[in-house]
C-alpha cells in the first residue's frame, strides 16, 4: 500500500475538532506536509512511542437504533473521532 493510498483512505474529507488543519487542506498541500508527517509516523513506529495527542479522541454519543429512547444511557454507543495523524499511523 502506498502512502497516497493510506493517506486518502485514512483522511476522507472529514476533519476532527482535534486536527490543527482541515484534512482537505492537508490533502491539497500533501507534497509539503508529507515529509514531516512521514518523519513523525516513522519515529512513532520505530520507537514504539505513540505521542499522547495521538491517543486523544472526540467522543460523542449516538443512538444504537433510531427507534430507541435517547434519554436512556444504555441506548447510546460512543462514537470517537481521532485526529488525522492518528488515523494515518493506525493504518500503517
N, C-alpha and C. Protein backbone atom coordinates (compact mmCIF):
# COMPACT_ATOMS: atom_id res chain seq x y z
N UNK A 1 0.86 -1.17 0.00
CA UNK A 1 0.00 0.00 0.00
C UNK A 1 0.90 1.24 0.00
N UNK A 2 0.65 2.17 -0.90
CA UNK A 2 1.47 3.37 -0.98
C UNK A 2 1.00 4.39 0.04
N UNK A 3 1.85 5.40 0.26
CA UNK A 3 1.47 6.45 1.22
C UNK A 3 0.24 7.21 0.75
N UNK A 4 0.09 7.37 -0.56
CA UNK A 4 -1.10 8.07 -1.07
C UNK A 4 -2.36 7.27 -0.79
N UNK A 5 -2.29 5.94 -0.97
CA UNK A 5 -3.46 5.11 -0.68
C UNK A 5 -3.82 5.16 0.80
N UNK A 6 -2.81 5.06 1.65
CA UNK A 6 -3.05 5.14 3.09
C UNK A 6 -3.63 6.49 3.45
N UNK A 7 -3.03 7.54 2.90
CA UNK A 7 -3.48 8.89 3.22
C UNK A 7 -4.92 9.11 2.80
N UNK A 8 -5.26 8.77 1.56
CA UNK A 8 -6.62 9.02 1.09
C UNK A 8 -7.63 8.15 1.83
N UNK A 9 -7.23 6.91 2.16
CA UNK A 9 -8.14 6.02 2.90
C UNK A 9 -8.38 6.55 4.31
N UNK A 10 -7.34 7.03 4.95
CA UNK A 10 -7.46 7.47 6.34
C UNK A 10 -8.14 8.82 6.47
N UNK A 11 -7.98 9.68 5.49
CA UNK A 11 -8.41 11.05 5.69
C UNK A 11 -9.83 11.35 5.22
N UNK A 12 -10.31 10.70 4.16
CA UNK A 12 -11.63 11.04 3.66
C UNK A 12 -11.73 12.55 3.48
N UNK A 13 -12.86 13.13 3.79
CA UNK A 13 -12.99 14.58 3.77
C UNK A 13 -13.37 15.12 5.13
N UNK A 14 -13.43 14.25 6.12
CA UNK A 14 -13.84 14.66 7.46
C UNK A 14 -12.65 15.22 8.23
N UNK A 15 -12.94 16.17 9.09
CA UNK A 15 -11.93 16.75 9.96
C UNK A 15 -12.43 16.67 11.39
N UNK A 16 -11.58 16.20 12.26
CA UNK A 16 -11.90 16.13 13.69
C UNK A 16 -11.59 17.49 14.31
N UNK A 17 -12.30 17.84 15.35
CA UNK A 17 -12.03 19.11 16.05
C UNK A 17 -10.62 19.16 16.63
N UNK A 18 -9.99 18.01 16.80
CA UNK A 18 -8.63 17.97 17.34
C UNK A 18 -7.57 18.28 16.29
N UNK A 19 -7.92 18.20 15.01
CA UNK A 19 -6.96 18.46 13.94
C UNK A 19 -6.58 19.94 13.89
N UNK A 20 -5.27 20.23 13.79
CA UNK A 20 -4.86 21.64 13.71
C UNK A 20 -5.23 22.28 12.38
N UNK A 21 -5.36 21.46 11.33
CA UNK A 21 -5.74 21.94 10.00
C UNK A 21 -6.85 21.06 9.44
N UNK A 22 -7.73 21.62 8.63
CA UNK A 22 -8.74 20.78 7.99
C UNK A 22 -8.07 19.74 7.09
N UNK A 23 -8.58 18.51 7.09
CA UNK A 23 -7.95 17.44 6.32
C UNK A 23 -7.93 17.75 4.82
N UNK A 24 -8.92 18.48 4.34
CA UNK A 24 -8.94 18.83 2.91
C UNK A 24 -7.75 19.72 2.56
N UNK A 25 -7.37 20.62 3.47
CA UNK A 25 -6.22 21.48 3.24
C UNK A 25 -4.92 20.68 3.28
N UNK A 26 -4.83 19.75 4.21
CA UNK A 26 -3.64 18.89 4.30
C UNK A 26 -3.50 18.08 3.02
N UNK A 27 -4.60 17.54 2.52
CA UNK A 27 -4.54 16.75 1.28
C UNK A 27 -4.14 17.61 0.09
N UNK A 28 -4.61 18.84 0.05
CA UNK A 28 -4.25 19.73 -1.06
C UNK A 28 -2.78 20.13 -1.01
N UNK A 29 -2.19 20.17 0.18
CA UNK A 29 -0.78 20.55 0.36
C UNK A 29 0.07 19.35 0.75
N UNK A 30 -0.32 18.17 0.34
CA UNK A 30 0.33 16.95 0.78
C UNK A 30 1.81 16.92 0.43
N UNK A 31 2.20 17.45 -0.72
CA UNK A 31 3.62 17.46 -1.09
C UNK A 31 4.47 18.19 -0.05
N UNK A 32 3.91 19.22 0.55
CA UNK A 32 4.62 20.00 1.56
C UNK A 32 4.63 19.28 2.91
N UNK A 33 3.48 18.72 3.28
CA UNK A 33 3.34 18.11 4.60
C UNK A 33 3.87 16.68 4.69
N UNK A 34 3.93 15.96 3.58
CA UNK A 34 4.25 14.54 3.63
C UNK A 34 5.60 14.22 4.27
N UNK A 35 6.68 14.96 3.99
CA UNK A 35 7.95 14.62 4.66
C UNK A 35 7.88 14.74 6.19
N UNK A 36 7.18 15.74 6.68
CA UNK A 36 7.06 15.94 8.12
C UNK A 36 6.18 14.85 8.73
N UNK A 37 5.07 14.58 8.09
CA UNK A 37 4.16 13.54 8.57
C UNK A 37 4.85 12.18 8.57
N UNK A 38 5.59 11.90 7.50
CA UNK A 38 6.32 10.63 7.40
C UNK A 38 7.32 10.50 8.53
N UNK A 39 8.03 11.55 8.84
CA UNK A 39 9.01 11.52 9.93
C UNK A 39 8.33 11.26 11.27
N UNK A 40 7.24 11.95 11.53
CA UNK A 40 6.51 11.77 12.80
C UNK A 40 6.02 10.34 12.94
N UNK A 41 5.40 9.82 11.90
CA UNK A 41 4.85 8.46 11.94
C UNK A 41 5.97 7.43 12.06
N UNK A 42 7.05 7.59 11.28
CA UNK A 42 8.17 6.65 11.36
C UNK A 42 8.83 6.64 12.74
N UNK A 43 8.99 7.81 13.33
CA UNK A 43 9.56 7.87 14.68
C UNK A 43 8.66 7.15 15.69
N UNK A 44 7.37 7.34 15.54
CA UNK A 44 6.43 6.68 16.44
C UNK A 44 6.51 5.16 16.29
N UNK A 45 6.58 4.69 15.05
CA UNK A 45 6.62 3.24 14.81
C UNK A 45 7.95 2.62 15.21
N UNK A 46 9.07 3.30 14.95
CA UNK A 46 10.38 2.72 15.27
C UNK A 46 10.69 2.75 16.75
N UNK A 47 10.22 3.77 17.46
CA UNK A 47 10.50 3.86 18.90
C UNK A 47 9.46 3.13 19.73
N UNK A 48 8.30 2.85 19.13
CA UNK A 48 7.22 2.22 19.88
C UNK A 48 6.54 3.20 20.83
N UNK A 49 6.82 4.48 20.63
CA UNK A 49 6.25 5.53 21.48
C UNK A 49 5.19 6.28 20.68
N UNK A 50 3.96 6.19 21.14
CA UNK A 50 2.87 6.90 20.48
C UNK A 50 2.65 8.21 21.22
N UNK A 51 2.74 9.33 20.51
CA UNK A 51 2.53 10.63 21.17
C UNK A 51 1.18 10.68 21.90
N UNK A 52 1.15 11.35 23.02
CA UNK A 52 -0.06 11.44 23.85
C UNK A 52 -1.25 11.96 23.05
N UNK A 53 -1.02 12.96 22.22
CA UNK A 53 -2.14 13.55 21.49
C UNK A 53 -2.70 12.61 20.42
N UNK A 54 -1.94 11.56 20.03
CA UNK A 54 -2.45 10.55 19.11
C UNK A 54 -3.51 9.69 19.81
N UNK A 55 -3.50 9.67 21.12
CA UNK A 55 -4.40 8.82 21.90
C UNK A 55 -5.68 9.56 22.31
N UNK A 56 -5.78 10.82 21.96
CA UNK A 56 -6.95 11.61 22.32
C UNK A 56 -8.01 11.51 21.23
N UNK A 57 -9.26 11.53 21.62
CA UNK A 57 -10.36 11.45 20.66
C UNK A 57 -11.51 12.32 21.14
N UNK A 58 -12.30 12.76 20.17
CA UNK A 58 -13.56 13.43 20.48
C UNK A 58 -14.61 12.33 20.53
N UNK A 59 -15.33 12.23 21.64
CA UNK A 59 -16.32 11.17 21.80
C UNK A 59 -17.70 11.80 21.89
N UNK A 60 -18.61 11.23 21.11
CA UNK A 60 -20.00 11.72 21.16
C UNK A 60 -20.93 10.51 21.20
N UNK A 61 -22.04 10.63 21.90
CA UNK A 61 -22.98 9.51 21.98
C UNK A 61 -23.88 9.48 20.73
N UNK A 62 -24.22 8.28 20.31
CA UNK A 62 -25.14 8.11 19.18
C UNK A 62 -26.09 6.97 19.50
N UNK A 63 -27.36 7.14 19.12
CA UNK A 63 -28.34 6.10 19.36
C UNK A 63 -27.98 4.83 18.62
N UNK A 64 -28.15 3.67 19.28
CA UNK A 64 -27.89 2.39 18.62
C UNK A 64 -28.89 2.15 17.50
N UNK A 65 -30.15 2.53 17.74
CA UNK A 65 -31.21 2.44 16.74
C UNK A 65 -32.08 3.68 16.87
N UNK A 66 -32.59 4.18 15.77
CA UNK A 66 -33.41 5.39 15.79
C UNK A 66 -34.67 5.24 16.61
N UNK A 67 -35.18 4.03 16.74
CA UNK A 67 -36.44 3.80 17.46
C UNK A 67 -36.27 3.80 18.98
N UNK A 68 -35.04 3.82 19.48
CA UNK A 68 -34.80 3.74 20.93
C UNK A 68 -34.92 5.11 21.59
N UNK A 69 -35.19 5.08 22.89
CA UNK A 69 -35.31 6.30 23.69
C UNK A 69 -33.92 6.91 23.91
N UNK A 70 -33.74 8.14 23.44
CA UNK A 70 -32.43 8.78 23.57
C UNK A 70 -32.11 9.23 24.98
N UNK A 71 -33.06 9.18 25.88
CA UNK A 71 -32.83 9.56 27.26
C UNK A 71 -32.18 8.45 28.10
N UNK A 72 -32.26 7.20 27.59
CA UNK A 72 -31.67 6.07 28.31
C UNK A 72 -30.22 5.87 27.87
N UNK A 73 -29.34 5.93 28.83
CA UNK A 73 -27.91 5.81 28.56
C UNK A 73 -27.56 4.50 27.85
N UNK A 74 -28.24 3.42 28.21
CA UNK A 74 -27.95 2.10 27.63
C UNK A 74 -28.29 2.03 26.14
N UNK A 75 -29.06 2.98 25.63
CA UNK A 75 -29.42 3.00 24.22
C UNK A 75 -28.39 3.75 23.36
N UNK A 76 -27.36 4.27 24.00
CA UNK A 76 -26.35 5.04 23.28
C UNK A 76 -25.06 4.25 23.14
N UNK A 77 -24.32 4.54 22.08
CA UNK A 77 -23.00 3.96 21.90
C UNK A 77 -22.02 5.10 21.65
N UNK A 78 -20.79 4.96 22.10
CA UNK A 78 -19.82 6.04 21.91
C UNK A 78 -19.23 6.00 20.49
N UNK A 79 -19.17 7.15 19.87
CA UNK A 79 -18.51 7.30 18.57
C UNK A 79 -17.31 8.20 18.83
N UNK A 80 -16.13 7.73 18.44
CA UNK A 80 -14.94 8.53 18.68
C UNK A 80 -14.32 8.98 17.35
N UNK A 81 -13.84 10.20 17.34
CA UNK A 81 -13.16 10.76 16.18
C UNK A 81 -11.72 11.04 16.55
N UNK A 82 -10.79 10.44 15.79
CA UNK A 82 -9.37 10.63 16.02
C UNK A 82 -8.84 11.71 15.09
N UNK A 83 -7.74 12.33 15.50
CA UNK A 83 -7.12 13.30 14.62
C UNK A 83 -6.51 12.58 13.43
N UNK A 84 -6.26 13.31 12.37
CA UNK A 84 -5.80 12.75 11.11
C UNK A 84 -4.51 11.95 11.24
N UNK A 85 -3.50 12.46 11.93
CA UNK A 85 -2.24 11.74 12.07
C UNK A 85 -2.42 10.42 12.82
N UNK A 86 -3.34 10.38 13.76
CA UNK A 86 -3.63 9.14 14.48
C UNK A 86 -4.18 8.09 13.52
N UNK A 87 -5.09 8.52 12.64
CA UNK A 87 -5.68 7.59 11.68
C UNK A 87 -4.63 7.07 10.71
N UNK A 88 -3.77 7.95 10.23
CA UNK A 88 -2.72 7.53 9.30
C UNK A 88 -1.78 6.54 9.97
N UNK A 89 -1.36 6.84 11.20
CA UNK A 89 -0.47 5.95 11.94
C UNK A 89 -1.13 4.60 12.17
N UNK A 90 -2.40 4.60 12.51
CA UNK A 90 -3.13 3.36 12.75
C UNK A 90 -3.18 2.50 11.48
N UNK A 91 -3.38 3.11 10.32
CA UNK A 91 -3.44 2.37 9.07
C UNK A 91 -2.10 1.76 8.71
N UNK A 92 -1.01 2.45 9.05
CA UNK A 92 0.32 1.91 8.77
C UNK A 92 0.61 0.76 9.69
